[in-house]
Amino acid sequence: MKTFVPLISGSQAGPLGFVHLPRFWLKMRAHAAGVLAEGYRHGVGGSDEALLDTLGVTLDPFAAFIAAEAPDYVACEAWIRANAAHTSPETARKFNEYTLTFVMPDPRLGEWTQRFGLDGTYTLAIGLNQLDDWDLFHAQLLTGEVPPAVSVPGIGSSVAGPLGALHLPRLWLKHRLHAAGRLAAGYRHGVGGFDEMVTNALGVDGAEFASFVEEQRPDYLAAEAWIEEHATNLTAEAIAGLNATISTTKMSPENAAKRRAELGPAADGLELGIPLNDLDDWAGLHRELKALAVA
């Protein structure tokens, strides 16, 4: 059976402000649909259980809601707002700080550091879990084990790999999907927007990077290695400047109006940049899971 890898990062948050909640929603939706990849938690242990405990939500009623309603992410947040005991900004801040700084414990830390060929300085659990997600999805693309409907690039623009450059993992994924004929309509793959911003900022020929990824089909860390070999502006200052620009870039008024019309009240109060793009991705992932559930 083809299974679903949850590519939303544990570092991403929705309008409610809690990191990991979008990832938890996606895992629970995939589990309820019977397609969650083997080895992924879905409510018990780890960040899933820590999040539930922080919110003051019991797993059973939440799981029953997911199974019965198959909600999109916005509906999931609405349920949390109505049923959770603790959703204040201060609660979110404390949970986010803990989650985003949590170091993966041994023995997995040592095992995964060796597995990915890292130097021992990349130790945060979220970062290593991301590499695990991307590695598994890469393997599925190579073997054709990706479920038929999957085509939304679920890695957010706010996510970086060991190199530290925001959007680079998403750009790699979009090129991989495009080469496989699986990239959803409307998604750029190398020209314009953040895609071009990344390659320009790092001093990389975007067309050459696209050719490498689409023809050689590298895993993510091999794509980063190619960047390190070919970039002419791979400095801490360049990466910091790129990240600041990506984090603060707003949509054009025309695109923002279109997204707001598509997303409805869910977009109220959101910045006109990455958060709206995230909600757009998650809506697409929701549609994919609905399709898988009836396939």
Protein backbone atom coordinates (compact mmCIF):
# COMPACT_ATOMS: atom_id res chain seq x y z
CA MET A 1 0.00 0.00 0.00
CA LYS A 2 1.27 3.48 -0.86
CA THR A 3 1.59 5.65 2.24
CA PHE A 4 1.59 9.33 3.07
CA VAL A 5 4.65 11.12 4.50
CA PRO A 6 3.66 14.20 6.59
CA LEU A 7 5.90 16.91 5.14
CA ILE A 8 4.59 19.81 7.23
CA SER A 9 7.40 20.71 9.61
CA GLY A 10 6.97 20.66 13.37
CA SER A 11 8.29 24.23 13.27
CA GLN A 12 5.26 25.53 11.39
CA ALA A 13 2.26 27.13 13.10
CA GLY A 14 -1.20 28.15 11.96
CA PRO A 15 -3.20 31.23 12.92
CA LEU A 16 -3.60 29.97 16.51
CA GLY A 17 0.16 30.23 16.91
CA PHE A 18 1.13 26.75 18.16
CA VAL A 19 3.98 25.07 16.30
CA HIS A 20 3.50 21.36 15.54
CA LEU A 21 -0.30 21.69 15.45
CA PRO A 22 -0.46 21.72 11.61
CA ARG A 23 1.84 18.67 11.48
CA PHE A 24 -0.21 16.90 14.14
CA TRP A 25 -3.42 17.61 12.21
CA LEU A 26 -1.87 16.18 9.04
CA LYS A 27 -0.66 13.03 10.78
CA MET A 28 -4.04 12.46 12.40
CA ARG A 29 -5.83 12.99 9.07
CA ALA A 30 -3.49 10.57 7.29
CA HIS A 31 -3.88 7.98 10.06
CA ALA A 32 -7.68 8.25 9.95
CA ALA A 33 -7.51 7.74 6.18
CA GLY A 34 -5.36 4.65 6.68
CA VAL A 35 -2.37 6.01 4.75
CA LEU A 36 0.04 7.40 7.38
CA ALA A 37 3.55 6.10 6.74
CA GLU A 38 4.80 3.48 9.18
CA GLY A 39 6.66 4.71 12.25
CA TYR A 40 4.91 8.06 12.64
CA ARG A 41 3.22 8.89 15.93
CA HIS A 42 -0.40 9.92 15.79
CA GLY A 43 -1.28 11.26 19.22
CA VAL A 44 0.70 9.24 21.75
CA GLY A 45 4.17 10.29 22.85
CA GLY A 46 6.59 12.92 21.65
CA SER A 47 5.47 16.36 20.49
CA ASP A 48 1.95 15.09 19.76
CA GLU A 49 1.28 14.26 23.39
CA ALA A 50 3.14 17.33 24.64
CA LEU A 51 0.94 19.53 22.47
CA LEU A 52 -2.27 17.87 23.65
CA ASP A 53 -1.19 18.21 27.28
CA THR A 54 -0.31 21.87 26.77
CA LEU A 55 -3.65 22.64 25.13
CA GLY A 56 -5.57 20.63 27.72
CA VAL A 57 -7.11 18.40 25.04
CA THR A 58 -7.78 14.68 25.44
CA LEU A 59 -6.72 12.51 22.54
CA ASP A 60 -9.83 10.35 22.19
CA PRO A 61 -12.37 13.11 21.43
CA PHE A 62 -9.91 14.85 19.14
CA ALA A 63 -9.21 11.62 17.25
CA ALA A 64 -12.94 10.95 17.02
CA PHE A 65 -13.50 14.42 15.57
CA ILE A 66 -10.77 13.88 12.96
CA ALA A 67 -12.12 10.47 12.00
CA ALA A 68 -15.75 11.59 11.77
CA GLU A 69 -15.32 14.99 10.14
CA ALA A 70 -12.07 14.67 8.14
CA PRO A 71 -11.58 18.41 8.74
CA ASP A 72 -9.34 20.76 6.86
CA TYR A 73 -6.76 22.60 8.94
CA VAL A 74 -8.94 25.63 9.55
CA ALA A 75 -11.77 23.46 10.89
CA CYS A 76 -9.26 21.64 13.08
CA GLU A 77 -8.12 24.92 14.63
CA ALA A 78 -11.75 25.92 15.17
CA TRP A 79 -12.31 22.67 17.11
CA ILE A 80 -9.20 23.32 19.20
CA ARG A 81 -10.34 26.86 19.99
CA ALA A 82 -13.72 25.53 21.11
CA ASN A 83 -12.45 22.58 23.15
CA ALA A 84 -8.96 23.35 24.44
CA ALA A 85 -8.44 24.66 27.94
CA HIS A 86 -5.26 26.62 27.22
CA THR A 87 -4.74 28.55 23.98
CA SER A 88 -3.36 31.88 25.17
CA PRO A 89 -0.47 33.53 23.31
CA GLU A 90 1.71 33.03 26.39
CA THR A 91 0.94 29.31 26.43
CA ALA A 92 1.84 29.15 22.74
CA ARG A 93 5.06 31.09 23.31
CA LYS A 94 6.25 28.74 26.04
CA PHE A 95 5.33 25.61 24.08
CA ASN A 96 6.97 26.93 20.93
CA GLU A 97 10.17 27.86 22.74
CA TYR A 98 10.44 24.40 24.25
CA THR A 99 9.60 22.57 21.03
CA LEU A 100 11.84 24.63 18.76
CA THR A 101 14.89 24.22 21.03
CA PHE A 102 14.43 20.56 21.98
CA VAL A 103 17.58 18.54 21.25
CA MET A 104 17.02 15.02 20.00
CA PRO A 105 18.10 12.59 22.74
CA ASP A 106 20.46 9.70 22.32
CA PRO A 107 20.62 7.03 21.04
CA ARG A 108 18.65 8.46 18.10
CA LEU A 109 20.74 11.63 18.00
CA GLY A 110 23.95 9.68 17.44
CA GLU A 111 22.31 7.23 15.07
CA TRP A 112 20.74 9.90 12.88
CA THR A 113 23.82 12.13 12.93
CA GLN A 114 25.76 9.20 11.50
CA ARG A 115 22.95 8.24 9.13
CA PHE A 116 22.85 11.69 7.54
CA GLY A 117 26.61 12.26 7.62
CA LEU A 118 26.33 15.32 9.86
CA ASP A 119 29.11 16.78 11.99
CA GLY A 120 27.29 16.62 15.32
CA THR A 121 26.28 20.29 15.47
CA TYR A 122 22.85 19.76 13.88
CA THR A 123 21.05 18.37 16.92
CA LEU A 124 17.56 19.87 17.14
CA ALA A 125 14.83 17.25 17.02
CA ILE A 126 12.72 19.23 14.55
CA GLY A 127 15.60 19.55 12.11
CA LEU A 128 16.51 15.86 12.24
CA ASN A 129 12.86 14.83 11.96
CA GLN A 130 12.60 17.00 8.83
CA LEU A 131 15.57 15.23 7.27
CA ASP A 132 13.89 11.91 8.05
CA ASP A 133 10.67 13.08 6.35
CA TRP A 134 12.51 14.31 3.28
CA ASP A 135 14.62 11.16 3.05
CA LEU A 136 11.55 8.93 3.14
CA PHE A 137 9.67 11.05 0.60
CA HIS A 138 12.71 11.07 -1.68
CA ALA A 139 12.81 7.27 -1.51
CA GLN A 140 9.11 7.08 -2.33
CA LEU A 141 9.60 9.29 -5.38
CA LEU A 142 12.43 7.07 -6.59
CA THR A 143 10.40 3.89 -6.22
CA GLY A 144 7.00 5.26 -7.28
CA GLU A 145 5.53 4.64 -3.84
CA VAL A 146 4.12 8.14 -3.48
CA PRO A 147 0.30 8.01 -3.35
CA PRO A 148 -1.25 9.01 -6.69
CA ALA A 149 -2.80 12.25 -5.45
CA VAL A 150 0.28 13.70 -3.74
CA SER A 151 1.53 16.77 -5.57
CA VAL A 152 1.34 19.71 -3.15
CA PRO A 153 4.83 20.68 -1.91
CA GLY A 154 4.11 20.42 1.80
CA ILE A 155 7.47 21.80 2.98
CA GLY A 156 6.87 25.45 3.89
CA SER A 157 8.95 28.41 2.78
CA SER A 158 9.77 29.12 6.45
CA VAL A 159 11.67 25.81 6.70
CA ALA A 160 15.44 25.40 6.30
CA GLY A 161 17.80 22.44 6.22
CA PRO A 162 21.29 22.23 7.78
CA LEU A 163 22.56 24.97 5.46
CA GLY A 164 20.12 27.36 7.10
CA ALA A 165 18.58 28.87 3.94
CA LEU A 166 14.82 29.28 4.11
CA HIS A 167 12.76 27.94 1.18
CA LEU A 168 15.64 25.85 -0.19
CA PRO A 169 14.05 22.54 0.94
CA ARG A 170 10.78 23.60 -0.68
CA LEU A 171 12.56 24.51 -3.92
CA TRP A 172 14.28 21.10 -3.98
CA LEU A 173 10.94 19.37 -3.42
CA LYS A 174 9.17 21.33 -6.15
CA HIS A 175 11.87 20.41 -8.66
CA ARG A 176 11.66 16.76 -7.59
CA LEU A 177 7.88 16.75 -7.98
CA HIS A 178 8.03 18.57 -11.30
CA ALA A 179 10.51 16.03 -12.69
CA ALA A 180 8.15 13.24 -11.65
CA GLY A 181 5.17 14.98 -13.29
CA ARG A 182 3.55 15.37 -9.90
CA LEU A 183 3.77 19.09 -9.07
CA ALA A 184 0.32 20.62 -8.59
CA ALA A 185 -0.79 23.24 -11.07
CA GLY A 186 0.05 26.80 -10.17
CA TYR A 187 3.29 26.11 -8.28
CA ARG A 188 6.51 27.70 -9.53
CA HIS A 189 9.56 25.51 -9.95
CA GLY A 190 12.61 27.72 -10.25
CA VAL A 191 11.53 30.93 -11.97
CA GLY A 192 10.23 33.94 -10.07
CA GLY A 193 9.18 34.42 -6.47
CA PHE A 194 11.09 32.86 -3.59
CA ASP A 195 12.55 30.22 -5.94
CA GLU A 196 14.56 32.75 -7.88
CA MET A 197 15.24 34.78 -4.75
CA VAL A 198 17.04 31.80 -3.17
CA THR A 199 19.29 30.98 -6.10
CA ASN A 200 20.10 34.65 -6.77
CA ALA A 201 20.95 35.34 -3.13
CA LEU A 202 23.29 32.35 -2.89
CA GLY A 203 24.93 33.02 -6.25
CA VAL A 204 23.67 29.88 -7.94
CA ASP A 205 22.52 29.46 -11.53
CA GLY A 206 18.86 28.54 -11.05
CA ALA A 207 18.62 26.64 -14.33
CA GLU A 208 21.69 24.55 -13.47
CA PHE A 209 20.28 23.73 -10.04
CA ALA A 210 16.96 22.77 -11.61
CA SER A 211 18.72 20.50 -14.11
CA PHE A 212 20.74 18.83 -11.37
CA VAL A 213 17.73 18.12 -9.17
CA GLU A 214 15.36 17.09 -11.95
CA GLU A 215 17.84 14.92 -13.84
CA GLN A 216 19.94 13.44 -11.02
CA ARG A 217 17.05 13.14 -8.52
CA PRO A 218 19.21 13.75 -5.43
CA ASP A 219 18.05 13.50 -1.85
CA TYR A 220 17.88 16.81 0.02
CA LEU A 221 21.34 16.68 1.57
CA ALA A 222 22.88 15.92 -1.85
CA ALA A 223 21.07 19.01 -3.18
CA GLU A 224 22.58 21.07 -0.35
CA ALA A 225 26.02 19.64 -1.16
CA TRP A 226 25.57 20.77 -4.78
CA ILE A 227 24.70 24.27 -3.53
CA GLU A 228 27.81 24.33 -1.35
CA GLU A 229 29.96 23.32 -4.31
CA HIS A 230 28.48 25.76 -6.85
CA ALA A 231 27.31 28.82 -4.88
CA THR A 232 29.40 31.98 -5.22
CA ASN A 233 27.81 33.82 -2.29
CA LEU A 234 27.40 31.19 0.39
CA THR A 235 28.09 33.30 3.46
CA ALA A 236 26.35 33.67 6.79
CA GLU A 237 25.48 37.24 5.84
CA ALA A 238 23.94 36.19 2.53
CA ILE A 239 21.83 33.50 4.17
CA ALA A 240 20.72 35.86 6.95
CA GLY A 241 19.74 38.47 4.39
CA LEU A 242 17.86 35.93 2.30
CA ASN A 243 15.99 34.65 5.34
CA ALA A 244 15.04 38.15 6.46
CA THR A 245 13.73 38.97 3.00
CA ILE A 246 11.71 35.78 2.69
CA SER A 247 10.26 36.16 6.18
CA THR A 248 9.04 39.70 5.52
CA THR A 249 8.01 39.54 1.85
CA LYS A 250 4.33 40.27 1.28
CA MET A 251 2.12 39.20 -1.60
CA SER A 252 1.04 41.62 -4.25
CA PRO A 253 -2.38 43.12 -3.49
CA GLU A 254 -3.85 41.16 -6.41
CA ASN A 255 -2.52 37.79 -5.24
CA ALA A 256 -3.44 38.54 -1.64
CA ALA A 257 -7.01 39.36 -2.61
CA LYS A 258 -7.24 36.14 -4.60
CA ARG A 259 -5.91 34.04 -1.71
CA ARG A 260 -8.20 35.73 0.79
CA ALA A 261 -11.20 35.06 -1.44
CA GLU A 262 -10.19 31.39 -1.75
CA LEU A 263 -9.51 30.88 1.96
CA GLY A 264 -12.34 32.97 3.37
CA PRO A 265 -12.37 33.89 7.09
CA ALA A 266 -9.34 31.68 7.72
CA ALA A 267 -7.17 34.40 6.19
CA ASP A 268 -8.47 37.16 8.46
CA GLY A 269 -5.64 38.88 10.30
CA LEU A 270 -2.86 36.92 8.61
CA GLU A 271 0.17 38.57 7.09
CA LEU A 272 0.18 38.60 3.30
CA GLY A 273 3.14 36.28 2.89
CA ILE A 274 4.21 32.86 4.10
CA PRO A 275 1.19 32.26 6.40
CA LEU A 276 -1.26 32.56 3.51
CA ASN A 277 0.90 30.29 1.38
CA ASP A 278 0.95 27.74 4.20
CA LEU A 279 -2.83 27.72 4.48
CA ASP A 280 -3.03 27.27 0.72
CA ASP A 281 -0.70 24.24 0.90
CA TRP A 282 -2.63 22.73 3.78
CA ALA A 283 -5.90 23.11 1.91
CA GLY A 284 -4.31 21.21 -0.97
CA LEU A 285 -3.03 18.47 1.35
CA HIS A 286 -6.54 18.19 2.80
CA ARG A 287 -7.96 17.66 -0.68
CA GLU A 288 -5.33 15.01 -1.39
CA LEU A 289 -6.17 13.09 1.77
CA LYS A 290 -9.86 13.22 0.92
CA ALA A 291 -9.07 11.75 -2.48
CA LEU A 292 -6.91 9.02 -0.95
CA ALA A 293 -9.62 8.11 1.54
CA VAL A 294 -12.10 7.30 -1.26
CA ALA A 295 -9.60 5.77 -3.69
